[in-house]
């Protein structure tokens, strides 16, 4: 999906929160700065020189996007911090090559590498910035592909919580399908019908719509692509609905008609206890799929937020492993769980 970084703060922030992509960009873009308080820093003159624009252009963008740039590393230093920075700057001035900083200045604007990129995502006057934006987008895609082995379809399975959620949902799924089989009239199409109702209640899409958004193939299992939080909420629906359907059927002494099950479902999904869980699940799925899978759930676009650095660590970091590796580690655990059934 094509992204225009100059128009979308969400897309900009998703990139700037992805520390793995930032590390790759630092290797790619050659601009020397000052190591200060553990980070490479730059001054306005360096930013202007890098993007081949007038320093007044940079100042105008700082004023217009101050809040965003401050969030991503821009700051004004003074006092002892300014003196400490000046010492490091003067030591590296030959490499920096943008001239001296007047000794009498009371404050100084400094930027880190994320801010340098942030400004490049905003600048429309600079051809260099346009090139940088394209390189940024390519590096983000390459980094995610490198971390996931080129397959983001199952990036959800790199979460250490996935296996337990997947296994538990399988159990509750059986309870739900058994309740439909034993206590609801009709043939096999009722399973797909009420599964779709659950999906629509949680993330506003039928199974076919969800599969189209993720471009799943016929052999791909829909539930194998769900994040742990989605599986947990689906399991909660299935468990609760199975119990209510069974109790209502036993109360009237017969199998329930579809209209009766529809009424049960409507009352069930409108319980207020589910509202915060549904909102959280929608936010997680919509935001992660946009950032990791480049998949936009149009019906959930109002729930999309930038991913935090912890989310990138969770799905791309050293602790994330492929499903087959974790399945091997969990084999004995699953075996003991099945023996209890």
C-alpha atoms as a PDB file:
ATOM      1  CA  UNK A   1       0.000   0.000   0.000  1.00  0.00           C
ATOM      2  CA  UNK A   2       1.443   3.333  -1.088  1.00  0.00           C
ATOM      3  CA  UNK A   3       2.299   5.706   1.741  1.00  0.00           C
ATOM      4  CA  UNK A   4       2.743   9.475   1.608  1.00  0.00           C
ATOM      5  CA  UNK A   5       4.865  10.313   4.622  1.00  0.00           C
ATOM      6  CA  UNK A   6       4.426  14.054   4.192  1.00  0.00           C
ATOM      7  CA  UNK A   7       0.669  13.684   4.823  1.00  0.00           C
ATOM      8  CA  UNK A   8       0.457  10.973   7.467  1.00  0.00           C
ATOM      9  CA  UNK A   9       1.738  11.414  11.006  1.00  0.00           C
ATOM     10  CA  UNK A  10       0.607   7.861  11.755  1.00  0.00           C
ATOM     11  CA  UNK A  11       2.898   6.416   9.075  1.00  0.00           C
ATOM     12  CA  UNK A  12       5.767   8.662  10.157  1.00  0.00           C
ATOM     13  CA  UNK A  13       5.449   7.616  13.786  1.00  0.00           C
ATOM     14  CA  UNK A  14       5.167   3.929  12.951  1.00  0.00           C
ATOM     15  CA  UNK A  15       8.519   4.166  11.208  1.00  0.00           C
ATOM     16  CA  UNK A  16      10.190   6.264  13.891  1.00  0.00           C
ATOM     17  CA  UNK A  17       9.100   3.812  16.606  1.00  0.00           C
ATOM     18  CA  UNK A  18      10.636   0.879  14.711  1.00  0.00           C
ATOM     19  CA  UNK A  19      14.108   0.757  16.255  1.00  0.00           C
ATOM     20  CA  UNK A  20      15.178  -2.128  14.007  1.00  0.00           C
ATOM     21  CA  UNK A  21      14.489  -0.087  10.869  1.00  0.00           C
ATOM     22  CA  UNK A  22      16.138   2.988  12.426  1.00  0.00           C
ATOM     23  CA  UNK A  23      19.325   0.994  13.019  1.00  0.00           C
ATOM     24  CA  UNK A  24      19.417  -0.022   9.351  1.00  0.00           C
ATOM     25  CA  UNK A  25      18.853   3.582   8.267  1.00  0.00           C
ATOM     26  CA  UNK A  26      21.772   4.758  10.386  1.00  0.00           C
ATOM     27  CA  UNK A  27      23.986   2.361   8.447  1.00  0.00           C
ATOM     28  CA  UNK A  28      22.641   3.674   5.133  1.00  0.00           C
ATOM     29  CA  UNK A  29      22.637   7.468   5.582  1.00  0.00           C
ATOM     30  CA  UNK A  30      26.085   8.930   6.028  1.00  0.00           C
ATOM     31  CA  UNK A  31      25.892  12.047   8.150  1.00  0.00           C
ATOM     32  CA  UNK A  32      28.302  12.689  10.987  1.00  0.00           C
ATOM     33  CA  UNK A  33      27.186  14.243  14.224  1.00  0.00           C
ATOM     34  CA  UNK A  34      28.198  14.679  17.843  1.00  0.00           C
ATOM     35  CA  UNK A  35      27.937  11.852  20.355  1.00  0.00           C
ATOM     36  CA  UNK A  36      26.142  13.490  23.260  1.00  0.00           C
ATOM     37  CA  UNK A  37      24.498  11.732  26.202  1.00  0.00           C
ATOM     38  CA  UNK A  38      24.661   8.408  24.422  1.00  0.00           C
ATOM     39  CA  UNK A  39      23.092   9.515  21.121  1.00  0.00           C
ATOM     40  CA  UNK A  40      24.331  11.061  17.885  1.00  0.00           C
ATOM     41  CA  UNK A  41      23.115  14.682  17.727  1.00  0.00           C
ATOM     42  CA  UNK A  42      22.991  17.296  14.980  1.00  0.00           C
ATOM     43  CA  UNK A  43      22.509  21.042  14.816  1.00  0.00           C
ATOM     44  CA  UNK A  44      20.217  22.974  12.454  1.00  0.00           C
ATOM     45  CA  UNK A  45      23.022  23.791  10.049  1.00  0.00           C
ATOM     46  CA  UNK A  46      23.762  20.095   9.574  1.00  0.00           C
ATOM     47  CA  UNK A  47      20.108  19.258   8.956  1.00  0.00           C
ATOM     48  CA  UNK A  48      19.838  22.052   6.380  1.00  0.00           C
ATOM     49  CA  UNK A  49      23.036  20.968   4.669  1.00  0.00           C
ATOM     50  CA  UNK A  50      21.964  17.309   4.557  1.00  0.00           C
ATOM     51  CA  UNK A  51      18.638  18.137   2.903  1.00  0.00           C
ATOM     52  CA  UNK A  52      20.130  20.900   0.756  1.00  0.00           C
ATOM     53  CA  UNK A  53      17.740  23.615   1.930  1.00  0.00           C
ATOM     54  CA  UNK A  54      18.071  27.000   3.604  1.00  0.00           C
ATOM     55  CA  UNK A  55      18.283  26.974   7.396  1.00  0.00           C
ATOM     56  CA  UNK A  56      15.177  29.168   7.495  1.00  0.00           C
ATOM     57  CA  UNK A  57      13.241  26.308   5.917  1.00  0.00           C
ATOM     58  CA  UNK A  58      14.275  24.023   8.772  1.00  0.00           C
ATOM     59  CA  UNK A  59      13.275  26.685  11.306  1.00  0.00           C
ATOM     60  CA  UNK A  60       9.867  27.004   9.667  1.00  0.00           C
ATOM     61  CA  UNK A  61       9.271  23.255   9.935  1.00  0.00           C
ATOM     62  CA  UNK A  62      10.405  23.252  13.562  1.00  0.00           C
ATOM     63  CA  UNK A  63       7.829  25.916  14.342  1.00  0.00           C
ATOM     64  CA  UNK A  64       5.057  24.178  12.401  1.00  0.00           C
ATOM     65  CA  UNK A  65       5.722  20.636  13.686  1.00  0.00           C
ATOM     66  CA  UNK A  66       7.255  21.428  17.073  1.00  0.00           C
ATOM     67  CA  UNK A  67       5.182  18.927  19.033  1.00  0.00           C
ATOM     68  CA  UNK A  68       5.917  16.019  16.709  1.00  0.00           C
ATOM     69  CA  UNK A  69       9.616  16.794  16.400  1.00  0.00           C
ATOM     70  CA  UNK A  70       9.972  17.207  20.169  1.00  0.00           C
ATOM     71  CA  UNK A  71       8.363  13.794  20.656  1.00  0.00           C
ATOM     72  CA  UNK A  72      10.972  12.347  18.316  1.00  0.00           C
ATOM     73  CA  UNK A  73      14.151  13.853  19.755  1.00  0.00           C
ATOM     74  CA  UNK A  74      14.263  17.561  19.021  1.00  0.00           C
ATOM     75  CA  UNK A  75      15.127  19.754  22.012  1.00  0.00           C
ATOM     76  CA  UNK A  76      16.626  23.068  23.047  1.00  0.00           C
ATOM     77  CA  UNK A  77      19.519  22.850  25.480  1.00  0.00           C
ATOM     78  CA  UNK A  78      21.099  25.485  27.724  1.00  0.00           C
ATOM     79  CA  UNK A  79      23.305  25.864  30.790  1.00  0.00           C
ATOM     80  CA  UNK A  80      25.576  22.966  31.682  1.00  0.00           C
ATOM     81  CA  UNK A  81      24.143  20.705  28.979  1.00  0.00           C
ATOM     82  CA  UNK A  82      24.945  23.349  26.365  1.00  0.00           C
ATOM     83  CA  UNK A  83      28.508  23.683  27.667  1.00  0.00           C
ATOM     84  CA  UNK A  84      28.967  19.905  27.599  1.00  0.00           C
ATOM     85  CA  UNK A  85      27.614  19.736  24.063  1.00  0.00           C
ATOM     86  CA  UNK A  86      29.920  22.555  22.927  1.00  0.00           C
ATOM     87  CA  UNK A  87      32.935  20.630  24.199  1.00  0.00           C
ATOM     88  CA  UNK A  88      31.989  17.586  22.136  1.00  0.00           C
ATOM     89  CA  UNK A  89      31.105  19.713  19.119  1.00  0.00           C
ATOM     90  CA  UNK A  90      34.391  21.623  19.147  1.00  0.00           C
ATOM     91  CA  UNK A  91      36.272  18.352  19.399  1.00  0.00           C
ATOM     92  CA  UNK A  92      34.497  17.027  16.270  1.00  0.00           C
ATOM     93  CA  UNK A  93      34.183  20.281  14.315  1.00  0.00           C
ATOM     94  CA  UNK A  94      36.511  19.152  11.509  1.00  0.00           C
ATOM     95  CA  UNK A  95      34.245  16.197  10.738  1.00  0.00           C
ATOM     96  CA  UNK A  96      31.016  18.158  11.083  1.00  0.00           C
ATOM     97  CA  UNK A  97      32.068  20.903   8.658  1.00  0.00           C
ATOM     98  CA  UNK A  98      29.284  23.471   9.119  1.00  0.00           C
ATOM     99  CA  UNK A  99      31.223  26.135  10.981  1.00  0.00           C
ATOM    100  CA  UNK A 100      31.628  27.179  14.585  1.00  0.00           C
ATOM    101  CA  UNK A 101      28.872  27.702  17.145  1.00  0.00           C
ATOM    102  CA  UNK A 102      29.112  31.158  18.767  1.00  0.00           C
ATOM    103  CA  UNK A 103      30.339  30.794  22.348  1.00  0.00           C
ATOM    104  CA  UNK A 104      27.857  33.379  23.640  1.00  0.00           C
ATOM    105  CA  UNK A 105      24.608  31.727  22.533  1.00  0.00           C
ATOM    106  CA  UNK A 106      22.258  31.106  25.507  1.00  0.00           C
ATOM    107  CA  UNK A 107      20.432  28.140  23.945  1.00  0.00           C
ATOM    108  CA  UNK A 108      20.940  25.680  21.108  1.00  0.00           C
ATOM    109  CA  UNK A 109      18.553  23.486  19.098  1.00  0.00           C
ATOM    110  CA  UNK A 110      19.766  19.920  18.707  1.00  0.00           C
ATOM    111  CA  UNK A 111      18.335  16.891  16.914  1.00  0.00           C
ATOM    112  CA  UNK A 112      18.947  13.169  17.102  1.00  0.00           C
ATOM    113  CA  UNK A 113      18.848  10.726  14.163  1.00  0.00           C
ATOM    114  CA  UNK A 114      15.120  10.085  14.523  1.00  0.00           C
ATOM    115  CA  UNK A 115      14.454  13.823  14.295  1.00  0.00           C
ATOM    116  CA  UNK A 116      16.649  14.081  11.230  1.00  0.00           C
ATOM    117  CA  UNK A 117      14.508  11.408   9.576  1.00  0.00           C
ATOM    118  CA  UNK A 118      11.325  13.032  10.878  1.00  0.00           C
ATOM    119  CA  UNK A 119      12.218  16.311   9.148  1.00  0.00           C
ATOM    120  CA  UNK A 120      13.005  14.436   5.948  1.00  0.00           C
ATOM    121  CA  UNK A 121       9.546  12.882   6.051  1.00  0.00           C
ATOM    122  CA  UNK A 122       8.009  16.364   6.196  1.00  0.00           C
ATOM    123  CA  UNK A 123      10.115  18.455   3.823  1.00  0.00           C
ATOM    124  CA  UNK A 124       8.406  19.032   0.479  1.00  0.00           C
ATOM    125  CA  UNK A 125      10.891  21.621  -0.816  1.00  0.00           C
ATOM    126  CA  UNK A 126      13.841  19.214  -0.886  1.00  0.00           C
ATOM    127  CA  UNK A 127      14.602  16.700  -3.646  1.00  0.00           C
ATOM    128  CA  UNK A 128      17.059  15.075  -1.259  1.00  0.00           C
ATOM    129  CA  UNK A 129      14.256  14.601   1.271  1.00  0.00           C
ATOM    130  CA  UNK A 130      12.091  13.008  -1.425  1.00  0.00           C
ATOM    131  CA  UNK A 131      14.851  10.499  -2.114  1.00  0.00           C
ATOM    132  CA  UNK A 132      15.301   9.868   1.605  1.00  0.00           C
ATOM    133  CA  UNK A 133      11.580   9.149   2.012  1.00  0.00           C
ATOM    134  CA  UNK A 134      11.706   6.494  -0.694  1.00  0.00           C
ATOM    135  CA  UNK A 135      14.770   4.919   0.890  1.00  0.00           C
ATOM    136  CA  UNK A 136      13.085   4.975   4.310  1.00  0.00           C
ATOM    137  CA  UNK A 137      10.050   3.088   3.021  1.00  0.00           C
ATOM    138  CA  UNK A 138      12.252   0.521   1.254  1.00  0.00           C
ATOM    139  CA  UNK A 139      14.354  -0.024   4.375  1.00  0.00           C
ATOM    140  CA  UNK A 140      11.259  -0.512   6.562  1.00  0.00           C
ATOM    141  CA  UNK A 141       9.910  -3.184   4.191  1.00  0.00           C
ATOM    142  CA  UNK A 142      13.307  -4.882   3.886  1.00  0.00           C
ATOM    143  CA  UNK A 143      13.811  -4.878   7.668  1.00  0.00           C
ATOM    144  CA  UNK A 144      10.450  -6.478   8.404  1.00  0.00           C
ATOM    145  CA  UNK A 145      10.986  -9.038   5.641  1.00  0.00           C
ATOM    146  CA  UNK A 146      14.464  -9.813   6.963  1.00  0.00           C
ATOM    147  CA  UNK A 147      13.177 -10.285  10.507  1.00  0.00           C
ATOM    148  CA  UNK A 148      10.230 -12.445   9.430  1.00  0.00           C
ATOM    149  CA  UNK A 149      11.927 -14.420   6.687  1.00  0.00           C
ATOM    150  CA  UNK A 150       9.880 -12.619   4.048  1.00  0.00           C
ATOM    151  CA  UNK A 151       6.529 -13.825   5.389  1.00  0.00           C
ATOM    152  CA  UNK A 152       4.459 -11.344   7.388  1.00  0.00           C
ATOM    153  CA  UNK A 153       1.242 -13.320   6.988  1.00  0.00           C
ATOM    154  CA  UNK A 154       2.040 -15.242  10.162  1.00  0.00           C
ATOM    155  CA  UNK A 155       3.922 -12.540  12.040  1.00  0.00           C
ATOM    156  CA  UNK A 156       1.279 -12.963  14.758  1.00  0.00           C
ATOM    157  CA  UNK A 157       2.846 -16.330  15.542  1.00  0.00           C
ATOM    158  CA  UNK A 158       6.109 -14.694  16.582  1.00  0.00           C
ATOM    159  CA  UNK A 159       4.398 -13.529  19.769  1.00  0.00           C
ATOM    160  CA  UNK A 160       5.208 -15.745  22.743  1.00  0.00           C
ATOM    161  CA  UNK A 161       1.556 -15.530  23.856  1.00  0.00           C
ATOM    162  CA  UNK A 162       0.255 -16.939  20.576  1.00  0.00           C
ATOM    163  CA  UNK A 163       0.543 -20.666  21.232  1.00  0.00           C
ATOM    164  CA  UNK A 164      -1.377 -20.706  24.510  1.00  0.00           C
ATOM    165  CA  UNK A 165      -4.089 -18.454  23.076  1.00  0.00           C
ATOM    166  CA  UNK A 166      -4.338 -20.608  19.958  1.00  0.00           C
ATOM    167  CA  UNK A 167      -4.591 -23.828  21.964  1.00  0.00           C
ATOM    168  CA  UNK A 168      -7.199 -22.444  24.388  1.00  0.00           C
ATOM    169  CA  UNK A 169      -9.307 -21.048  21.553  1.00  0.00           C
ATOM    170  CA  UNK A 170      -9.307 -24.464  19.861  1.00  0.00           C
ATOM    171  CA  UNK A 171     -10.843 -25.956  22.999  1.00  0.00           C
ATOM    172  CA  UNK A 172     -13.506 -23.270  23.312  1.00  0.00           C
ATOM    173  CA  UNK A 173     -14.205 -23.571  19.587  1.00  0.00           C
ATOM    174  CA  UNK A 174     -15.220 -27.184  20.128  1.00  0.00           C
ATOM    175  CA  UNK A 175     -17.569 -26.145  22.940  1.00  0.00           C
ATOM    176  CA  UNK A 176     -19.186 -23.584  20.647  1.00  0.00           C
ATOM    177  CA  UNK A 177     -19.613 -25.906  17.663  1.00  0.00           C
ATOM    178  CA  UNK A 178     -20.967 -28.646  19.947  1.00  0.00           C
ATOM    179  CA  UNK A 179     -23.545 -26.210  21.327  1.00  0.00           C
ATOM    180  CA  UNK A 180     -24.627 -25.271  17.794  1.00  0.00           C
ATOM    181  CA  UNK A 181     -24.830 -28.930  16.823  1.00  0.00           C
ATOM    182  CA  UNK A 182     -26.758 -30.094  19.880  1.00  0.00           C
ATOM    183  CA  UNK A 183     -28.983 -27.121  20.685  1.00  0.00           C
ATOM    184  CA  UNK A 184     -29.669 -25.234  17.414  1.00  0.00           C
ATOM    185  CA  UNK A 185     -31.768 -26.387  14.444  1.00  0.00           C
ATOM    186  CA  UNK A 186     -30.408 -26.563  10.897  1.00  0.00           C
ATOM    187  CA  UNK A 187     -27.478 -27.856   8.927  1.00  0.00           C
ATOM    188  CA  UNK A 188     -23.778 -27.182   8.721  1.00  0.00           C
ATOM    189  CA  UNK A 189     -24.054 -23.624   7.398  1.00  0.00           C
ATOM    190  CA  UNK A 190     -24.943 -22.443  10.923  1.00  0.00           C
ATOM    191  CA  UNK A 191     -21.297 -22.868  11.967  1.00  0.00           C
ATOM    192  CA  UNK A 192     -20.039 -20.401   9.363  1.00  0.00           C
ATOM    193  CA  UNK A 193     -22.973 -18.062   9.984  1.00  0.00           C
ATOM    194  CA  UNK A 194     -22.386 -17.651  13.691  1.00  0.00           C
ATOM    195  CA  UNK A 195     -18.612 -17.632  13.335  1.00  0.00           C
ATOM    196  CA  UNK A 196     -19.039 -14.669  10.981  1.00  0.00           C
ATOM    197  CA  UNK A 197     -21.296 -13.000  13.551  1.00  0.00           C
ATOM    198  CA  UNK A 198     -18.511 -13.283  16.128  1.00  0.00           C
ATOM    199  CA  UNK A 199     -15.952 -11.853  13.709  1.00  0.00           C
ATOM    200  CA  UNK A 200     -18.236  -8.975  12.745  1.00  0.00           C
ATOM    201  CA  UNK A 201     -18.932  -8.209  16.381  1.00  0.00           C
ATOM    202  CA  UNK A 202     -15.234  -8.056  17.239  1.00  0.00           C
ATOM    203  CA  UNK A 203     -13.594  -6.567  14.139  1.00  0.00           C
ATOM    204  CA  UNK A 204     -16.512  -5.678  11.823  1.00  0.00           C
ATOM    205  CA  UNK A 205     -15.477  -8.070   9.063  1.00  0.00           C
ATOM    206  CA  UNK A 206     -16.792 -11.415   7.911  1.00  0.00           C
ATOM    207  CA  UNK A 207     -14.235 -14.159   7.443  1.00  0.00           C
ATOM    208  CA  UNK A 208     -14.214 -13.621   3.667  1.00  0.00           C
ATOM    209  CA  UNK A 209     -13.620  -9.875   4.092  1.00  0.00           C
ATOM    210  CA  UNK A 210     -10.790 -10.461   6.546  1.00  0.00           C
ATOM    211  CA  UNK A 211      -9.146 -12.988   4.224  1.00  0.00           C
ATOM    212  CA  UNK A 212      -9.346 -10.529   1.336  1.00  0.00           C
ATOM    213  CA  UNK A 213      -7.681  -7.759   3.357  1.00  0.00           C
ATOM    214  CA  UNK A 214      -4.788 -10.089   4.245  1.00  0.00           C
ATOM    215  CA  UNK A 215      -4.769 -11.660   0.753  1.00  0.00           C
ATOM    216  CA  UNK A 216      -4.964 -15.160   2.221  1.00  0.00           C
ATOM    217  CA  UNK A 217      -4.823 -18.178  -0.066  1.00  0.00           C
ATOM    218  CA  UNK A 218      -7.267 -21.091  -0.017  1.00  0.00           C
ATOM    219  CA  UNK A 219      -4.890 -23.226   2.052  1.00  0.00           C
ATOM    220  CA  UNK A 220      -4.374 -20.521   4.707  1.00  0.00           C
ATOM    221  CA  UNK A 221      -6.346 -20.969   7.919  1.00  0.00           C
ATOM    222  CA  UNK A 222      -7.929 -17.708   9.026  1.00  0.00           C
ATOM    223  CA  UNK A 223      -7.441 -18.278  12.743  1.00  0.00           C
ATOM    224  CA  UNK A 224      -3.755 -19.023  12.304  1.00  0.00           C
ATOM    225  CA  UNK A 225      -3.291 -15.350  11.368  1.00  0.00           C
ATOM    226  CA  UNK A 226      -5.047 -13.884  14.440  1.00  0.00           C
ATOM    227  CA  UNK A 227      -3.072 -12.125  17.162  1.00  0.00           C
ATOM    228  CA  UNK A 228      -3.238 -13.586  20.673  1.00  0.00           C
ATOM    229  CA  UNK A 229      -5.600 -10.848  21.911  1.00  0.00           C
ATOM    230  CA  UNK A 230      -8.053 -11.608  19.076  1.00  0.00           C
ATOM    231  CA  UNK A 231      -7.951 -15.330  19.815  1.00  0.00           C
ATOM    232  CA  UNK A 232      -8.575 -14.660  23.507  1.00  0.00           C
ATOM    233  CA  UNK A 233     -11.629 -12.525  22.778  1.00  0.00           C
ATOM    234  CA  UNK A 234     -13.029 -15.010  20.250  1.00  0.00           C
ATOM    235  CA  UNK A 235     -12.564 -17.761  22.833  1.00  0.00           C
ATOM    236  CA  UNK A 236     -14.455 -15.669  25.379  1.00  0.00           C
ATOM    237  CA  UNK A 237     -17.337 -15.211  22.942  1.00  0.00           C
ATOM    238  CA  UNK A 238     -17.412 -18.900  22.054  1.00  0.00           C
ATOM    239  CA  UNK A 239     -17.303 -20.061  25.653  1.00  0.00           C
ATOM    240  CA  UNK A 240     -19.984 -17.641  26.801  1.00  0.00           C
ATOM    241  CA  UNK A 241     -22.304 -18.189  23.848  1.00  0.00           C
ATOM    242  CA  UNK A 242     -22.033 -21.959  24.113  1.00  0.00           C
ATOM    243  CA  UNK A 243     -23.198 -21.797  27.717  1.00  0.00           C
ATOM    244  CA  UNK A 244     -26.092 -19.402  27.037  1.00  0.00           C
ATOM    245  CA  UNK A 245     -27.295 -21.395  24.001  1.00  0.00           C
ATOM    246  CA  UNK A 246     -27.237 -24.639  25.973  1.00  0.00           C
ATOM    247  CA  UNK A 247     -29.084 -23.134  28.961  1.00  0.00           C
ATOM    248  CA  UNK A 248     -31.783 -21.542  26.807  1.00  0.00           C
ATOM    249  CA  UNK A 249     -32.311 -24.752  24.850  1.00  0.00           C
ATOM    250  CA  UNK A 250     -32.652 -26.827  28.008  1.00  0.00           C
ATOM    251  CA  UNK A 251     -35.026 -24.248  29.478  1.00  0.00           C
ATOM    252  CA  UNK A 252     -37.501 -24.558  26.591  1.00  0.00           C
ATOM    253  CA  UNK A 253     -36.883 -28.292  26.152  1.00  0.00           C
ATOM    254  CA  UNK A 254     -36.013 -28.169  22.414  1.00  0.00           C
ATOM    255  CA  UNK A 255     -33.432 -26.968  19.885  1.00  0.00           C
ATOM    256  CA  UNK A 256     -33.443 -23.238  19.308  1.00  0.00           C
ATOM    257  CA  UNK A 257     -34.530 -21.551  16.089  1.00  0.00           C
ATOM    258  CA  UNK A 258     -32.156 -19.176  14.293  1.00  0.00           C
ATOM    259  CA  UNK A 259     -34.202 -16.149  15.320  1.00  0.00           C
ATOM    260  CA  UNK A 260     -33.849 -17.160  18.970  1.00  0.00           C
ATOM    261  CA  UNK A 261     -30.079 -17.597  18.632  1.00  0.00           C
ATOM    262  CA  UNK A 262     -29.874 -14.230  16.871  1.00  0.00           C
ATOM    263  CA  UNK A 263     -31.599 -12.603  19.844  1.00  0.00           C
ATOM    264  CA  UNK A 264     -29.221 -14.354  22.235  1.00  0.00           C
ATOM    265  CA  UNK A 265     -26.228 -13.173  20.224  1.00  0.00           C
ATOM    266  CA  UNK A 266     -27.455  -9.567  20.075  1.00  0.00           C
ATOM    267  CA  UNK A 267     -27.955  -9.440  23.830  1.00  0.00           C
ATOM    268  CA  UNK A 268     -24.615 -11.152  24.417  1.00  0.00           C
ATOM    269  CA  UNK A 269     -22.497  -8.801  22.268  1.00  0.00           C
ATOM    270  CA  UNK A 270     -24.115  -5.728  23.814  1.00  0.00           C
ATOM    271  CA  UNK A 271     -22.905  -6.582  27.295  1.00  0.00           C
ATOM    272  CA  UNK A 272     -20.840  -3.630  28.474  1.00  0.00           C
ATOM    273  CA  UNK A 273     -18.067  -5.818  29.845  1.00  0.00           C
ATOM    274  CA  UNK A 274     -16.992  -6.582  26.281  1.00  0.00           C
ATOM    275  CA  UNK A 275     -16.767  -2.993  25.068  1.00  0.00           C
ATOM    276  CA  UNK A 276     -13.231  -2.177  26.348  1.00  0.00           C
ATOM    277  CA  UNK A 277     -11.981  -5.593  25.229  1.00  0.00           C
ATOM    278  CA  UNK A 278     -13.447  -5.171  21.749  1.00  0.00           C
ATOM    279  CA  UNK A 279     -11.998  -1.663  21.388  1.00  0.00           C
ATOM    280  CA  UNK A 280      -8.568  -2.891  22.449  1.00  0.00           C
ATOM    281  CA  UNK A 281      -8.721  -5.859  20.066  1.00  0.00           C
ATOM    282  CA  UNK A 282      -9.723  -3.616  17.165  1.00  0.00           C
ATOM    283  CA  UNK A 283      -6.873  -1.225  17.890  1.00  0.00           C
ATOM    284  CA  UNK A 284      -4.308  -4.022  18.142  1.00  0.00           C
ATOM    285  CA  UNK A 285      -5.377  -5.777  14.956  1.00  0.00           C
ATOM    286  CA  UNK A 286      -5.831  -2.683  12.802  1.00  0.00           C
ATOM    287  CA  UNK A 287      -2.611  -1.003  13.962  1.00  0.00           C
ATOM    288  CA  UNK A 288      -0.406  -4.086  13.766  1.00  0.00           C
ATOM    289  CA  UNK A 289      -1.725  -5.198  10.383  1.00  0.00           C
ATOM    290  CA  UNK A 290      -1.063  -1.771   8.894  1.00  0.00           C
ATOM    291  CA  UNK A 291       2.479  -1.589  10.299  1.00  0.00           C
ATOM    292  CA  UNK A 292       3.559  -5.218   9.828  1.00  0.00           C
ATOM    293  CA  UNK A 293       1.414  -6.593   6.995  1.00  0.00           C
ATOM    294  CA  UNK A 294       0.782  -3.348   5.098  1.00  0.00           C
ATOM    295  CA  UNK A 295      -2.901  -4.320   5.312  1.00  0.00           C
ATOM    296  CA  UNK A 296      -5.577  -1.707   5.895  1.00  0.00           C
ATOM    297  CA  UNK A 297      -8.852  -2.711   7.572  1.00  0.00           C
ATOM    298  CA  UNK A 298     -11.048   0.098   6.283  1.00  0.00           C
ATOM    299  CA  UNK A 299     -13.835  -0.668   8.745  1.00  0.00           C
ATOM    300  CA  UNK A 300     -11.359  -0.240  11.603  1.00  0.00           C
ATOM    301  CA  UNK A 301      -9.436   2.788  10.308  1.00  0.00           C
ATOM    302  CA  UNK A 302     -10.611   4.922  13.235  1.00  0.00           C
ATOM    303  CA  UNK A 303      -8.893   2.521  15.655  1.00  0.00           C
ATOM    304  CA  UNK A 304      -5.432   2.712  14.051  1.00  0.00           C
ATOM    305  CA  UNK A 305      -2.670   4.165  16.233  1.00  0.00           C
ATOM    306  CA  UNK A 306       1.137   4.184  15.833  1.00  0.00           C
ATOM    307  CA  UNK A 307       2.842   1.079  17.180  1.00  0.00           C
ATOM    308  CA  UNK A 308       5.045   1.623  20.199  1.00  0.00           C
ATOM    309  CA  UNK A 309       8.653   0.432  20.285  1.00  0.00           C
ATOM    310  CA  UNK A 310       7.610  -2.436  22.575  1.00  0.00           C
ATOM    311  CA  UNK A 311       5.361  -3.819  19.811  1.00  0.00           C
ATOM    312  CA  UNK A 312       8.264  -3.992  17.372  1.00  0.00           C
ATOM    313  CA  UNK A 313      10.326  -5.740  20.022  1.00  0.00           C
ATOM    314  CA  UNK A 314       7.481  -8.164  20.676  1.00  0.00           C
ATOM    315  CA  UNK A 315       7.139  -9.278  17.048  1.00  0.00           C
ATOM    316  CA  UNK A 316      10.589  -8.586  15.569  1.00  0.00           C
ATOM    317  CA  UNK A 317      12.927  -8.767  18.554  1.00  0.00           C
ATOM    318  CA  UNK A 318      15.320 -11.455  19.675  1.00  0.00           C
ATOM    319  CA  UNK A 319      12.703 -13.011  21.946  1.00  0.00           C
ATOM    320  CA  UNK A 320      10.319 -13.649  19.072  1.00  0.00           C
ATOM    321  CA  UNK A 321      10.708 -17.063  17.493  1.00  0.00           C
ATOM    322  CA  UNK A 322       9.110 -18.959  14.660  1.00  0.00           C
ATOM    323  CA  UNK A 323       6.044 -21.027  15.537  1.00  0.00           C
ATOM    324  CA  UNK A 324       7.685 -24.341  14.637  1.00  0.00           C
ATOM    325  CA  UNK A 325      10.494 -23.681  17.135  1.00  0.00           C
ATOM    326  CA  UNK A 326       8.104 -22.809  19.948  1.00  0.00           C
ATOM    327  CA  UNK A 327       5.810 -25.717  19.080  1.00  0.00           C
ATOM    328  CA  UNK A 328       8.746 -28.072  19.553  1.00  0.00           C
ATOM    329  CA  UNK A 329       9.533 -26.514  22.916  1.00  0.00           C
ATOM    330  CA  UNK A 330       5.890 -26.726  23.996  1.00  0.00           C
ATOM    331  CA  UNK A 331       5.312 -30.293  22.766  1.00  0.00           C
ATOM    332  CA  UNK A 332       5.455 -31.885  26.205  1.00  0.00           C
ATOM    333  CA  UNK A 333       3.205 -29.191  27.679  1.00  0.00           C
ATOM    334  CA  UNK A 334       0.560 -29.839  25.011  1.00  0.00           C
ATOM    335  CA  UNK A 335       0.866 -33.564  25.565  1.00  0.00           C
ATOM    336  CA  UNK A 336       0.136 -33.201  29.281  1.00  0.00           C
ATOM    337  CA  UNK A 337      -2.792 -30.865  28.593  1.00  0.00           C
ATOM    338  CA  UNK A 338      -4.344 -33.336  26.165  1.00  0.00           C
ATOM    339  CA  UNK A 339      -3.939 -36.176  28.646  1.00  0.00           C
ATOM    340  CA  UNK A 340      -6.196 -34.248  31.051  1.00  0.00           C
ATOM    341  CA  UNK A 341      -9.070 -34.126  28.554  1.00  0.00           C
END
